[in-house]
C-alpha atoms as a PDB file:
ATOM      1  CA  MET A   1      -7.413 -21.689  49.550  1.00  0.00           C
ATOM      2  CA  ASP A   2      -4.666 -24.263  49.886  1.00  0.00           C
ATOM      3  CA  SER A   3      -5.941 -27.949  49.506  1.00  0.00           C
ATOM      4  CA  ALA A   4      -6.459 -29.388  52.985  1.00  0.00           C
ATOM      5  CA  GLN A   5      -4.188 -32.142  54.122  1.00  0.00           C
ATOM      6  CA  LEU A   6      -4.997 -35.102  56.388  1.00  0.00           C
ATOM      7  CA  LYS A   7      -2.192 -37.414  57.958  1.00  0.00           C
ATOM      8  CA  ILE A   8      -3.195 -40.954  57.739  1.00  0.00           C
ATOM      9  CA  GLU A   9      -0.657 -43.428  59.369  1.00  0.00           C
ATOM     10  CA  ASP A  10       2.547 -42.957  57.246  1.00  0.00           C
ATOM     11  CA  SER A  11       1.101 -41.152  54.209  1.00  0.00           C
ATOM     12  CA  THR A  12      -0.662 -37.874  53.578  1.00  0.00           C
ATOM     13  CA  LEU A  13      -3.882 -37.696  51.671  1.00  0.00           C
ATOM     14  CA  THR A  14      -4.620 -34.357  50.057  1.00  0.00           C
ATOM     15  CA  LEU A  15      -8.159 -33.695  50.286  1.00  0.00           C
ATOM     16  CA  PRO A  16     -10.009 -31.405  47.709  1.00  0.00           C
ATOM     17  CA  THR A  17     -11.336 -28.061  48.600  1.00  0.00           C
ATOM     18  CA  LEU A  18     -14.145 -25.739  47.379  1.00  0.00           C
ATOM     19  CA  GLU A  19     -11.628 -23.819  45.401  1.00  0.00           C
ATOM     20  CA  ASP A  20     -10.295 -27.102  43.793  1.00  0.00           C
ATOM     21  CA  VAL A  21     -13.867 -27.854  42.625  1.00  0.00           C
ATOM     22  CA  LYS A  22     -14.332 -24.486  41.235  1.00  0.00           C
ATOM     23  CA  GLN A  23     -11.239 -24.702  39.288  1.00  0.00           C
ATOM     24  CA  ALA A  24     -12.414 -27.987  37.779  1.00  0.00           C
ATOM     25  CA  ALA A  25     -15.731 -26.368  36.919  1.00  0.00           C
ATOM     26  CA  LYS A  26     -13.817 -23.709  34.981  1.00  0.00           C
ATOM     27  CA  ARG A  27     -11.669 -26.464  33.381  1.00  0.00           C
ATOM     28  CA  ILE A  28     -14.352 -28.586  31.981  1.00  0.00           C
ATOM     29  CA  THR A  29     -16.622 -25.851  30.702  1.00  0.00           C
ATOM     30  CA  GLY A  30     -17.542 -26.649  27.270  1.00  0.00           C
ATOM     31  CA  HIS A  31     -16.940 -30.302  27.523  1.00  0.00           C
ATOM     32  CA  VAL A  32     -20.043 -31.078  29.849  1.00  0.00           C
ATOM     33  CA  VAL A  33     -23.638 -30.114  30.065  1.00  0.00           C
ATOM     34  CA  ASP A  34     -25.110 -28.083  32.818  1.00  0.00           C
ATOM     35  CA  THR A  35     -27.834 -30.394  33.689  1.00  0.00           C
ATOM     36  CA  ASP A  36     -31.272 -29.439  35.034  1.00  0.00           C
ATOM     37  CA  LEU A  37     -32.478 -29.421  38.563  1.00  0.00           C
ATOM     38  CA  GLN A  38     -36.039 -30.549  38.126  1.00  0.00           C
ATOM     39  CA  TYR A  39     -38.895 -30.420  40.431  1.00  0.00           C
ATOM     40  CA  SER A  40     -40.801 -33.702  40.535  1.00  0.00           C
ATOM     41  CA  PRO A  41     -44.482 -33.132  41.160  1.00  0.00           C
ATOM     42  CA  TYR A  42     -45.078 -36.976  41.301  1.00  0.00           C
ATOM     43  CA  LEU A  43     -42.402 -37.789  43.814  1.00  0.00           C
ATOM     44  CA  SER A  44     -43.299 -34.667  45.821  1.00  0.00           C
ATOM     45  CA  ASP A  45     -46.858 -35.795  46.203  1.00  0.00           C
ATOM     46  CA  LYS A  46     -45.969 -39.349  47.031  1.00  0.00           C
ATOM     47  CA  PHE A  47     -43.492 -38.390  49.688  1.00  0.00           C
ATOM     48  CA  LYS A  48     -45.274 -35.174  50.887  1.00  0.00           C
ATOM     49  CA  ALA A  49     -42.099 -33.251  50.347  1.00  0.00           C
ATOM     50  CA  ASN A  50     -40.500 -30.969  47.805  1.00  0.00           C
ATOM     51  CA  ILE A  51     -38.377 -33.328  45.623  1.00  0.00           C
ATOM     52  CA  TYR A  52     -35.919 -32.190  43.066  1.00  0.00           C
ATOM     53  CA  LEU A  53     -33.996 -34.304  40.592  1.00  0.00           C
ATOM     54  CA  LYS A  54     -30.530 -33.340  39.512  1.00  0.00           C
ATOM     55  CA  ARG A  55     -30.498 -34.904  36.054  1.00  0.00           C
ATOM     56  CA  GLU A  56     -27.042 -36.229  35.281  1.00  0.00           C
ATOM     57  CA  ASP A  57     -28.766 -38.523  32.824  1.00  0.00           C
ATOM     58  CA  GLN A  58     -28.915 -35.498  30.495  1.00  0.00           C
ATOM     59  CA  GLN A  59     -24.916 -35.521  30.054  1.00  0.00           C
ATOM     60  CA  LEU A  60     -23.628 -36.349  26.805  1.00  0.00           C
ATOM     61  CA  VAL A  61     -22.670 -39.757  28.123  1.00  0.00           C
ATOM     62  CA  ARG A  62     -25.948 -40.080  30.189  1.00  0.00           C
ATOM     63  CA  SER A  63     -24.181 -39.952  33.474  1.00  0.00           C
ATOM     64  CA  PHE A  64     -22.029 -37.741  35.659  1.00  0.00           C
ATOM     65  CA  LYS A  65     -18.803 -39.707  34.963  1.00  0.00           C
ATOM     66  CA  ILE A  66     -17.683 -37.486  31.978  1.00  0.00           C
ATOM     67  CA  ARG A  67     -17.096 -34.600  34.633  1.00  0.00           C
ATOM     68  CA  GLY A  68     -14.245 -36.335  36.538  1.00  0.00           C
ATOM     69  CA  ALA A  69     -12.698 -38.057  33.587  1.00  0.00           C
ATOM     70  CA  ILE A  70     -12.383 -34.990  31.415  1.00  0.00           C
ATOM     71  CA  ASN A  71     -11.069 -32.953  34.420  1.00  0.00           C
ATOM     72  CA  LYS A  72      -8.317 -35.561  34.982  1.00  0.00           C
ATOM     73  CA  ILE A  73      -7.303 -35.943  31.378  1.00  0.00           C
ATOM     74  CA  LEU A  74      -7.202 -32.288  30.528  1.00  0.00           C
ATOM     75  CA  GLN A  75      -4.393 -31.944  33.165  1.00  0.00           C
ATOM     76  CA  LEU A  76      -2.127 -34.412  31.672  1.00  0.00           C
ATOM     77  CA  SER A  77       1.195 -33.470  30.111  1.00  0.00           C
ATOM     78  CA  PRO A  78       1.963 -33.801  26.429  1.00  0.00           C
ATOM     79  CA  GLU A  79       4.117 -36.872  27.222  1.00  0.00           C
ATOM     80  CA  GLN A  80       1.449 -38.518  29.268  1.00  0.00           C
ATOM     81  CA  LEU A  81      -0.946 -37.950  26.553  1.00  0.00           C
ATOM     82  CA  THR A  82       1.335 -39.700  24.100  1.00  0.00           C
ATOM     83  CA  GLN A  83       1.473 -42.627  26.176  1.00  0.00           C
ATOM     84  CA  GLY A  84      -2.369 -42.758  26.423  1.00  0.00           C
ATOM     85  CA  VAL A  85      -4.758 -43.712  29.275  1.00  0.00           C
ATOM     86  CA  VAL A  86      -6.249 -46.820  30.889  1.00  0.00           C
ATOM     87  CA  CYS A  87      -9.128 -47.270  32.958  1.00  0.00           C
ATOM     88  CA  ALA A  88     -11.480 -49.828  34.588  1.00  0.00           C
ATOM     89  CA  SER A  89     -15.249 -49.314  34.752  1.00  0.00           C
ATOM     90  CA  ALA A  90     -18.559 -51.098  35.100  1.00  0.00           C
ATOM     91  CA  GLY A  91     -19.785 -48.901  32.344  1.00  0.00           C
ATOM     92  CA  ASN A  92     -20.354 -45.103  32.866  1.00  0.00           C
ATOM     93  CA  HIS A  93     -16.708 -44.079  33.512  1.00  0.00           C
ATOM     94  CA  SER A  94     -15.688 -45.944  30.574  1.00  0.00           C
ATOM     95  CA  GLN A  95     -17.753 -43.814  28.425  1.00  0.00           C
ATOM     96  CA  GLY A  96     -16.461 -40.610  30.023  1.00  0.00           C
ATOM     97  CA  VAL A  97     -12.944 -41.770  29.276  1.00  0.00           C
ATOM     98  CA  ALA A  98     -13.875 -42.885  25.743  1.00  0.00           C
ATOM     99  CA  LEU A  99     -15.543 -39.602  24.939  1.00  0.00           C
ATOM    100  CA  SER A 100     -12.439 -37.637  26.387  1.00  0.00           C
ATOM    101  CA  CYS A 101     -10.028 -39.746  24.307  1.00  0.00           C
ATOM    102  CA  SER A 102     -11.984 -39.198  21.066  1.00  0.00           C
ATOM    103  CA  ARG A 103     -12.254 -35.333  21.645  1.00  0.00           C
ATOM    104  CA  LEU A 104      -8.592 -34.960  22.661  1.00  0.00           C
ATOM    105  CA  LYS A 105      -7.347 -37.491  20.235  1.00  0.00           C
ATOM    106  CA  ILE A 106      -5.461 -39.587  22.618  1.00  0.00           C
ATOM    107  CA  PRO A 107      -5.377 -43.544  22.759  1.00  0.00           C
ATOM    108  CA  GLY A 108      -7.276 -45.287  25.431  1.00  0.00           C
ATOM    109  CA  LYS A 109      -7.574 -48.797  26.757  1.00  0.00           C
ATOM    110  CA  ILE A 110     -10.717 -49.606  28.786  1.00  0.00           C
ATOM    111  CA  PHE A 111     -11.251 -52.757  30.848  1.00  0.00           C
ATOM    112  CA  MET A 112     -14.911 -53.624  31.694  1.00  0.00           C
ATOM    113  CA  PRO A 113     -16.377 -56.556  33.653  1.00  0.00           C
ATOM    114  CA  ALA A 114     -17.699 -59.347  31.279  1.00  0.00           C
ATOM    115  CA  ASN A 115     -21.201 -58.884  32.712  1.00  0.00           C
ATOM    116  CA  THR A 116     -21.397 -55.189  31.905  1.00  0.00           C
ATOM    117  CA  PRO A 117     -24.805 -54.528  30.268  1.00  0.00           C
ATOM    118  CA  GLY A 118     -24.247 -54.588  26.305  1.00  0.00           C
ATOM    119  CA  GLN A 119     -25.689 -51.151  26.061  1.00  0.00           C
ATOM    120  CA  LYS A 120     -22.801 -49.726  28.229  1.00  0.00           C
ATOM    121  CA  VAL A 121     -20.112 -51.520  26.187  1.00  0.00           C
ATOM    122  CA  SER A 122     -21.698 -50.372  22.989  1.00  0.00           C
ATOM    123  CA  GLN A 123     -22.039 -46.794  24.042  1.00  0.00           C
ATOM    124  CA  ALA A 124     -18.322 -46.771  25.092  1.00  0.00           C
ATOM    125  CA  LYS A 125     -17.356 -48.012  21.668  1.00  0.00           C
ATOM    126  CA  LYS A 126     -19.469 -45.367  20.012  1.00  0.00           C
ATOM    127  CA  HIS A 127     -18.048 -42.466  22.094  1.00  0.00           C
ATOM    128  CA  GLY A 128     -14.520 -43.674  21.726  1.00  0.00           C
ATOM    129  CA  GLY A 129     -14.453 -44.625  18.207  1.00  0.00           C
ATOM    130  CA  ASP A 130     -10.971 -45.550  16.800  1.00  0.00           C
ATOM    131  CA  TRP A 131      -9.340 -44.006  19.736  1.00  0.00           C
ATOM    132  CA  VAL A 132     -10.215 -46.651  22.405  1.00  0.00           C
ATOM    133  CA  ASP A 133      -9.820 -50.278  22.565  1.00  0.00           C
ATOM    134  CA  ILE A 134     -12.267 -52.139  24.988  1.00  0.00           C
ATOM    135  CA  GLU A 135     -11.534 -55.574  26.668  1.00  0.00           C
ATOM    136  CA  LEU A 136     -14.011 -57.485  28.778  1.00  0.00           C
ATOM    137  CA  TYR A 137     -12.505 -59.001  31.801  1.00  0.00           C
ATOM    138  CA  GLY A 138     -13.745 -60.832  35.045  1.00  0.00           C
ATOM    139  CA  GLU A 139     -17.010 -60.522  36.784  1.00  0.00           C
ATOM    140  CA  THR A 140     -16.802 -57.425  38.910  1.00  0.00           C
ATOM    141  CA  PHE A 141     -15.080 -53.987  38.717  1.00  0.00           C
ATOM    142  CA  ASP A 142     -12.259 -55.128  40.958  1.00  0.00           C
ATOM    143  CA  ASP A 143     -11.451 -57.839  38.471  1.00  0.00           C
ATOM    144  CA  ALA A 144     -11.237 -55.245  35.644  1.00  0.00           C
ATOM    145  CA  TYR A 145      -9.343 -52.872  37.920  1.00  0.00           C
ATOM    146  CA  HIS A 146      -6.617 -55.448  38.437  1.00  0.00           C
ATOM    147  CA  ALA A 147      -6.388 -56.034  34.737  1.00  0.00           C
ATOM    148  CA  ALA A 148      -6.021 -52.355  34.055  1.00  0.00           C
ATOM    149  CA  MET A 149      -3.322 -51.883  36.680  1.00  0.00           C
ATOM    150  CA  SER A 150      -1.263 -54.763  35.033  1.00  0.00           C
ATOM    151  CA  TYR A 151      -1.779 -53.079  31.699  1.00  0.00           C
ATOM    152  CA  ARG A 152      -0.532 -49.720  33.150  1.00  0.00           C
ATOM    153  CA  LYS A 153       2.559 -51.403  34.405  1.00  0.00           C
ATOM    154  CA  ASP A 154       3.301 -52.804  30.948  1.00  0.00           C
ATOM    155  CA  THR A 155       2.604 -49.746  29.025  1.00  0.00           C
ATOM    156  CA  ASN A 156       3.125 -46.612  31.264  1.00  0.00           C
ATOM    157  CA  ALA A 157      -0.319 -45.647  30.359  1.00  0.00           C
ATOM    158  CA  VAL A 158      -1.900 -43.080  32.799  1.00  0.00           C
ATOM    159  CA  PHE A 159      -4.491 -44.797  34.932  1.00  0.00           C
ATOM    160  CA  VAL A 160      -7.777 -42.755  35.207  1.00  0.00           C
ATOM    161  CA  HIS A 161      -9.384 -44.151  38.348  1.00  0.00           C
ATOM    162  CA  PRO A 162     -13.301 -44.024  38.243  1.00  0.00           C
ATOM    163  CA  PHE A 163     -13.548 -42.573  41.858  1.00  0.00           C
ATOM    164  CA  ASP A 164     -10.143 -42.810  43.948  1.00  0.00           C
ATOM    165  CA  ASP A 165      -8.450 -39.821  42.261  1.00  0.00           C
ATOM    166  CA  PHE A 166      -8.191 -36.155  43.482  1.00  0.00           C
ATOM    167  CA  ASP A 167      -8.956 -34.668  40.047  1.00  0.00           C
ATOM    168  CA  VAL A 168     -11.757 -37.209  39.351  1.00  0.00           C
ATOM    169  CA  ILE A 169     -13.401 -36.139  42.615  1.00  0.00           C
ATOM    170  CA  CYS A 170     -13.149 -32.521  41.985  1.00  0.00           C
ATOM    171  CA  GLY A 171     -14.748 -33.046  38.528  1.00  0.00           C
ATOM    172  CA  GLN A 172     -17.658 -34.871  40.122  1.00  0.00           C
ATOM    173  CA  GLY A 173     -18.025 -32.057  42.580  1.00  0.00           C
ATOM    174  CA  THR A 174     -19.066 -29.682  39.964  1.00  0.00           C
ATOM    175  CA  VAL A 175     -22.488 -31.388  40.398  1.00  0.00           C
ATOM    176  CA  GLY A 176     -22.810 -29.709  43.640  1.00  0.00           C
ATOM    177  CA  LEU A 177     -21.980 -26.328  42.440  1.00  0.00           C
ATOM    178  CA  GLU A 178     -24.521 -26.575  39.725  1.00  0.00           C
ATOM    179  CA  ILE A 179     -27.233 -27.636  42.257  1.00  0.00           C
ATOM    180  CA  LEU A 180     -26.628 -24.660  44.486  1.00  0.00           C
ATOM    181  CA  LYS A 181     -26.553 -22.336  41.576  1.00  0.00           C
ATOM    182  CA  GLU A 182     -29.793 -23.646  40.229  1.00  0.00           C
ATOM    183  CA  SER A 183     -31.644 -23.709  43.472  1.00  0.00           C
ATOM    184  CA  ASP A 184     -33.270 -20.651  45.011  1.00  0.00           C
ATOM    185  CA  PHE A 185     -34.393 -22.437  48.205  1.00  0.00           C
ATOM    186  CA  GLU A 186     -32.708 -23.999  51.175  1.00  0.00           C
ATOM    187  CA  ILE A 187     -31.877 -27.582  50.673  1.00  0.00           C
ATOM    188  CA  HIS A 188     -32.788 -29.632  53.848  1.00  0.00           C
ATOM    189  CA  HIS A 189     -31.787 -33.025  52.438  1.00  0.00           C
ATOM    190  CA  LEU A 190     -29.293 -34.091  49.668  1.00  0.00           C
ATOM    191  CA  LEU A 191     -29.435 -37.638  48.612  1.00  0.00           C
ATOM    192  CA  LEU A 192     -26.402 -39.151  46.720  1.00  0.00           C
ATOM    193  CA  PRO A 193     -25.665 -42.477  45.214  1.00  0.00           C
ATOM    194  CA  VAL A 194     -22.483 -44.323  46.471  1.00  0.00           C
ATOM    195  CA  GLY A 195     -20.543 -46.782  44.663  1.00  0.00           C
ATOM    196  CA  GLY A 196     -16.815 -45.963  44.855  1.00  0.00           C
ATOM    197  CA  GLY A 197     -17.567 -42.734  46.577  1.00  0.00           C
ATOM    198  CA  GLY A 198     -16.187 -40.298  44.178  1.00  0.00           C
ATOM    199  CA  LEU A 199     -19.529 -38.398  43.467  1.00  0.00           C
ATOM    200  CA  ALA A 200     -20.370 -38.264  47.259  1.00  0.00           C
ATOM    201  CA  ALA A 201     -16.964 -37.099  48.085  1.00  0.00           C
ATOM    202  CA  GLY A 202     -16.937 -34.101  45.636  1.00  0.00           C
ATOM    203  CA  VAL A 203     -20.450 -33.021  45.939  1.00  0.00           C
ATOM    204  CA  SER A 204     -20.268 -33.232  49.732  1.00  0.00           C
ATOM    205  CA  THR A 205     -17.116 -31.093  49.662  1.00  0.00           C
ATOM    206  CA  VAL A 206     -18.963 -28.279  48.092  1.00  0.00           C
ATOM    207  CA  PHE A 207     -22.089 -28.570  50.298  1.00  0.00           C
ATOM    208  CA  LYS A 208     -20.103 -28.649  53.614  1.00  0.00           C
ATOM    209  CA  ASP A 209     -18.551 -25.369  52.666  1.00  0.00           C
ATOM    210  CA  LEU A 210     -21.575 -23.611  50.900  1.00  0.00           C
ATOM    211  CA  SER A 211     -24.559 -25.392  52.479  1.00  0.00           C
ATOM    212  CA  PRO A 212     -23.669 -26.719  55.861  1.00  0.00           C
ATOM    213  CA  VAL A 213     -27.303 -26.875  57.138  1.00  0.00           C
ATOM    214  CA  THR A 214     -28.110 -29.591  54.453  1.00  0.00           C
ATOM    215  CA  LYS A 215     -28.053 -33.071  55.741  1.00  0.00           C
ATOM    216  CA  ILE A 216     -26.183 -35.307  53.273  1.00  0.00           C
ATOM    217  CA  THR A 217     -27.112 -38.919  52.916  1.00  0.00           C
ATOM    218  CA  GLY A 218     -25.404 -41.631  50.777  1.00  0.00           C
ATOM    219  CA  LEU A 219     -27.514 -44.644  49.330  1.00  0.00           C
ATOM    220  CA  GLU A 220     -25.711 -47.842  48.549  1.00  0.00           C
ATOM    221  CA  PRO A 221     -27.042 -51.294  47.083  1.00  0.00           C
ATOM    222  CA  TYR A 222     -27.889 -53.423  50.110  1.00  0.00           C
ATOM    223  CA  HIS A 223     -25.533 -56.347  48.889  1.00  0.00           C
ATOM    224  CA  ALA A 224     -22.648 -54.098  47.974  1.00  0.00           C
ATOM    225  CA  ALA A 225     -22.652 -51.417  50.877  1.00  0.00           C
ATOM    226  CA  ALA A 226     -18.877 -51.036  51.123  1.00  0.00           C
ATOM    227  CA  MET A 227     -19.100 -47.399  52.374  1.00  0.00           C
ATOM    228  CA  LYS A 228     -21.595 -48.293  55.175  1.00  0.00           C
ATOM    229  CA  ARG A 229     -19.396 -51.262  56.299  1.00  0.00           C
ATOM    230  CA  SER A 230     -16.280 -49.132  56.342  1.00  0.00           C
ATOM    231  CA  LEU A 231     -17.956 -46.399  58.301  1.00  0.00           C
ATOM    232  CA  ASP A 232     -19.182 -48.918  60.724  1.00  0.00           C
ATOM    233  CA  VAL A 233     -15.733 -50.378  61.437  1.00  0.00           C
ATOM    234  CA  GLY A 234     -13.827 -47.052  61.257  1.00  0.00           C
ATOM    235  CA  PHE A 235     -11.392 -47.834  58.415  1.00  0.00           C
ATOM    236  CA  ASN A 236     -11.738 -48.557  54.610  1.00  0.00           C
ATOM    237  CA  ALA A 237     -12.753 -52.147  54.699  1.00  0.00           C
ATOM    238  CA  GLU A 238     -13.017 -54.612  51.579  1.00  0.00           C
ATOM    239  CA  LEU A 239     -16.035 -56.657  51.411  1.00  0.00           C
ATOM    240  CA  VAL A 240     -15.462 -60.411  51.031  1.00  0.00           C
ATOM    241  CA  SER A 241     -18.104 -60.552  48.188  1.00  0.00           C
ATOM    242  CA  ILE A 242     -20.803 -58.434  46.633  1.00  0.00           C
ATOM    243  CA  ASP A 243     -23.783 -58.685  44.414  1.00  0.00           C
ATOM    244  CA  PRO A 244     -22.809 -56.955  41.053  1.00  0.00           C
ATOM    245  CA  PHE A 245     -26.353 -56.596  40.009  1.00  0.00           C
ATOM    246  CA  VAL A 246     -26.513 -52.686  40.586  1.00  0.00           C
ATOM    247  CA  ASP A 247     -23.524 -52.485  38.112  1.00  0.00           C
ATOM    248  CA  GLY A 248     -22.915 -48.779  38.417  1.00  0.00           C
ATOM    249  CA  ALA A 249     -22.546 -48.919  42.159  1.00  0.00           C
ATOM    250  CA  ALA A 250     -21.333 -52.277  43.028  1.00  0.00           C
ATOM    251  CA  THR A 251     -17.650 -52.406  44.282  1.00  0.00           C
ATOM    252  CA  LYS A 252     -16.056 -54.379  47.153  1.00  0.00           C
ATOM    253  CA  LYS A 253     -14.033 -51.355  48.481  1.00  0.00           C
ATOM    254  CA  VAL A 254     -14.656 -47.660  48.119  1.00  0.00           C
ATOM    255  CA  GLY A 255     -11.655 -45.313  47.417  1.00  0.00           C
ATOM    256  CA  ASP A 256      -9.320 -44.363  50.125  1.00  0.00           C
ATOM    257  CA  LEU A 257      -9.710 -40.718  49.456  1.00  0.00           C
ATOM    258  CA  GLY A 258     -13.442 -40.827  48.992  1.00  0.00           C
ATOM    259  CA  PHE A 259     -13.744 -42.822  52.279  1.00  0.00           C
ATOM    260  CA  GLU A 260     -11.744 -40.093  54.300  1.00  0.00           C
ATOM    261  CA  ILE A 261     -13.909 -37.310  52.693  1.00  0.00           C
ATOM    262  CA  CYS A 262     -17.225 -39.055  53.195  1.00  0.00           C
ATOM    263  CA  SER A 263     -16.436 -40.118  56.830  1.00  0.00           C
ATOM    264  CA  LYS A 264     -16.308 -36.366  57.598  1.00  0.00           C
ATOM    265  CA  ASN A 265     -19.074 -34.982  55.255  1.00  0.00           C
ATOM    266  CA  LEU A 266     -21.792 -37.567  55.057  1.00  0.00           C
ATOM    267  CA  ASP A 267     -24.459 -37.683  57.982  1.00  0.00           C
ATOM    268  CA  SER A 268     -25.441 -41.089  57.245  1.00  0.00           C
ATOM    269  CA  VAL A 269     -25.324 -43.990  54.737  1.00  0.00           C
ATOM    270  CA  VAL A 270     -28.215 -46.037  54.019  1.00  0.00           C
ATOM    271  CA  PRO A 271     -28.219 -49.456  52.184  1.00  0.00           C
ATOM    272  CA  VAL A 272     -31.076 -49.870  49.877  1.00  0.00           C
ATOM    273  CA  PRO A 273     -32.469 -53.360  48.833  1.00  0.00           C
ATOM    274  CA  GLU A 274     -31.962 -54.246  45.356  1.00  0.00           C
ATOM    275  CA  SER A 275     -35.770 -55.097  44.886  1.00  0.00           C
ATOM    276  CA  MET A 276     -36.501 -51.529  46.079  1.00  0.00           C
ATOM    277  CA  ILE A 277     -34.159 -50.020  43.407  1.00  0.00           C
ATOM    278  CA  CYS A 278     -35.796 -52.173  40.685  1.00  0.00           C
ATOM    279  CA  LYS A 279     -39.249 -51.109  41.679  1.00  0.00           C
ATOM    280  CA  THR A 280     -38.159 -47.477  41.714  1.00  0.00           C
ATOM    281  CA  LEU A 281     -36.659 -47.760  38.202  1.00  0.00           C
ATOM    282  CA  ILE A 282     -39.883 -49.398  37.007  1.00  0.00           C
ATOM    283  CA  GLU A 283     -41.986 -46.626  38.719  1.00  0.00           C
ATOM    284  CA  LEU A 284     -40.040 -43.865  37.184  1.00  0.00           C
ATOM    285  CA  TYR A 285     -40.492 -45.288  33.692  1.00  0.00           C
ATOM    286  CA  GLN A 286     -44.173 -45.896  34.032  1.00  0.00           C
ATOM    287  CA  GLU A 287     -45.307 -42.860  36.108  1.00  0.00           C
ATOM    288  CA  GLN A 288     -42.851 -40.237  34.685  1.00  0.00           C
ATOM    289  CA  ALA A 289     -41.684 -41.628  31.466  1.00  0.00           C
ATOM    290  CA  MET A 290     -38.078 -41.332  32.847  1.00  0.00           C
ATOM    291  CA  VAL A 291     -35.409 -43.871  31.892  1.00  0.00           C
ATOM    292  CA  THR A 292     -32.759 -44.472  34.581  1.00  0.00           C
ATOM    293  CA  GLU A 293     -30.244 -47.215  35.318  1.00  0.00           C
ATOM    294  CA  LEU A 294     -30.186 -49.080  38.452  1.00  0.00           C
ATOM    295  CA  ALA A 295     -27.531 -47.046  40.155  1.00  0.00           C
ATOM    296  CA  GLY A 296     -29.240 -43.861  38.758  1.00  0.00           C
ATOM    297  CA  ALA A 297     -32.337 -44.718  40.609  1.00  0.00           C
ATOM    298  CA  LEU A 298     -30.482 -45.440  43.946  1.00  0.00           C
ATOM    299  CA  SER A 299     -31.012 -41.892  45.590  1.00  0.00           C
ATOM    300  CA  ILE A 300     -34.603 -41.812  44.557  1.00  0.00           C
ATOM    301  CA  ALA A 301     -35.107 -45.333  45.986  1.00  0.00           C
ATOM    302  CA  GLY A 302     -33.803 -44.093  49.272  1.00  0.00           C
ATOM    303  CA  LEU A 303     -36.683 -41.899  49.624  1.00  0.00           C
ATOM    304  CA  ASN A 304     -38.889 -44.695  50.677  1.00  0.00           C
ATOM    305  CA  LEU A 305     -36.549 -45.372  53.596  1.00  0.00           C
ATOM    306  CA  MET A 306     -36.479 -41.841  54.602  1.00  0.00           C
ATOM    307  CA  LYS A 307     -40.010 -40.572  54.138  1.00  0.00           C
ATOM    308  CA  ASN A 308     -40.612 -39.881  57.850  1.00  0.00           C
ATOM    309  CA  ASP A 309     -37.447 -37.527  57.890  1.00  0.00           C
ATOM    310  CA  ILE A 310     -38.141 -35.580  54.731  1.00  0.00           C
ATOM    311  CA  LYS A 311     -41.811 -34.918  55.080  1.00  0.00           C
ATOM    312  CA  ASP A 312     -42.426 -31.139  54.305  1.00  0.00           C
ATOM    313  CA  LYS A 313     -38.594 -30.641  53.470  1.00  0.00           C
ATOM    314  CA  ASN A 314     -36.746 -29.653  50.432  1.00  0.00           C
ATOM    315  CA  VAL A 315     -34.962 -32.710  49.105  1.00  0.00           C
ATOM    316  CA  VAL A 316     -32.559 -32.979  46.163  1.00  0.00           C
ATOM    317  CA  CYS A 317     -31.836 -36.450  44.654  1.00  0.00           C
ATOM    318  CA  VAL A 318     -28.985 -36.974  42.223  1.00  0.00           C
ATOM    319  CA  LEU A 319     -30.131 -39.068  39.232  1.00  0.00           C
ATOM    320  CA  SER A 320     -26.767 -40.107  38.404  1.00  0.00           C
ATOM    321  CA  GLY A 321     -27.191 -41.956  34.977  1.00  0.00           C
ATOM    322  CA  SER A 322     -29.451 -43.608  32.522  1.00  0.00           C
ATOM    323  CA  ASN A 323     -27.541 -46.046  30.641  1.00  0.00           C
ATOM    324  CA  ASN A 324     -29.945 -48.968  31.113  1.00  0.00           C
ATOM    325  CA  ASP A 325     -30.022 -52.018  28.961  1.00  0.00           C
ATOM    326  CA  PHE A 326     -33.475 -52.904  27.784  1.00  0.00           C
ATOM    327  CA  LEU A 327     -32.435 -56.582  27.492  1.00  0.00           C
ATOM    328  CA  ARG A 328     -32.214 -56.605  31.361  1.00  0.00           C
ATOM    329  CA  ALA A 329     -35.901 -55.790  31.775  1.00  0.00           C
ATOM    330  CA  GLY A 330     -36.821 -59.315  32.649  1.00  0.00           C
ATOM    331  CA  GLU A 331     -34.230 -59.661  35.206  1.00  0.00           C
ATOM    332  CA  ILE A 332     -35.090 -56.122  36.733  1.00  0.00           C
ATOM    333  CA  LEU A 333     -38.689 -57.095  36.903  1.00  0.00           C
ATOM    334  CA  ALA A 334     -37.955 -60.423  38.421  1.00  0.00           C
ATOM    335  CA  ARG A 335     -35.723 -58.840  41.050  1.00  0.00           C
ATOM    336  CA  SER A 336     -38.299 -56.151  41.904  1.00  0.00           C
ATOM    337  CA  GLU A 337     -40.462 -59.054  43.230  1.00  0.00           C
ATOM    338  CA  ARG A 338     -38.129 -60.242  45.830  1.00  0.00           C
ATOM    339  CA  ASP A 339     -38.086 -59.389  49.543  1.00  0.00           C
ATOM    340  CA  ILE A 340     -34.844 -57.768  49.380  1.00  0.00           C
END
């Protein structure tokens, strides 16, 4: 199957297909873990539904981000690999790039916002070793992104985008292939966290082809709901400001490619109050001894807003990551007690 193409004004965006994602799955075999699709008795009882968690916190870098990063980097030419790679990330993508660099023995430069949790910075350093150099810059992903683009211009390093990239989206889409392979039941609802839109774009591409009956919902932080805003106005809009608290899913603007895909594939996008995300993170730890990060808890927090729609249904939530910094516990507890 050829990649579908969509004409947007004067440019042509090439949209990934199911076959593109299947090729990515073959390419990254041996570099990623096939994570569990785990039934949750606790959540199922609470919401009177059959709740399953796709445990991307089980990945080597504790998030799904390794999938897209390694799929992109594995396709670079020898000349490109010599020039090295550069990325911008609030944390998880940087770890995926760092591990890819150390495994493939290529130099990498990583820009992260200055307020990135220390645990994510230290993990990126650990995974990258001597192959990566990390620089903390600005307060948001967008600040780090602009610094990375300047570095790329000066060095000709290959930029590995955390979400707005064809090959990265295909890599993230392999999460969807695994979910369908691991399930022996009809999935009525699929809940996906949305930050830049790469995961939602990739996984929804798979589901729209292989499980079109599934209703797909994207969940965003309430104070960084760039996808919801863009879908409401009909174009990929940039927010004036955001709250970077949910660091793994806070960006002022989603990817252009991801927006086009999600505008076709997502049935709805629901903003989730940060306080609800915090309460869910705490609840998962206390009731299920499960460590998540704020963005990782997004889709599960969204269950609270969809409880009437999902009753008696089979629901899959993608738990996208668990890179939580214990030093943020006080802040998370305080935010959990706010109204929104």
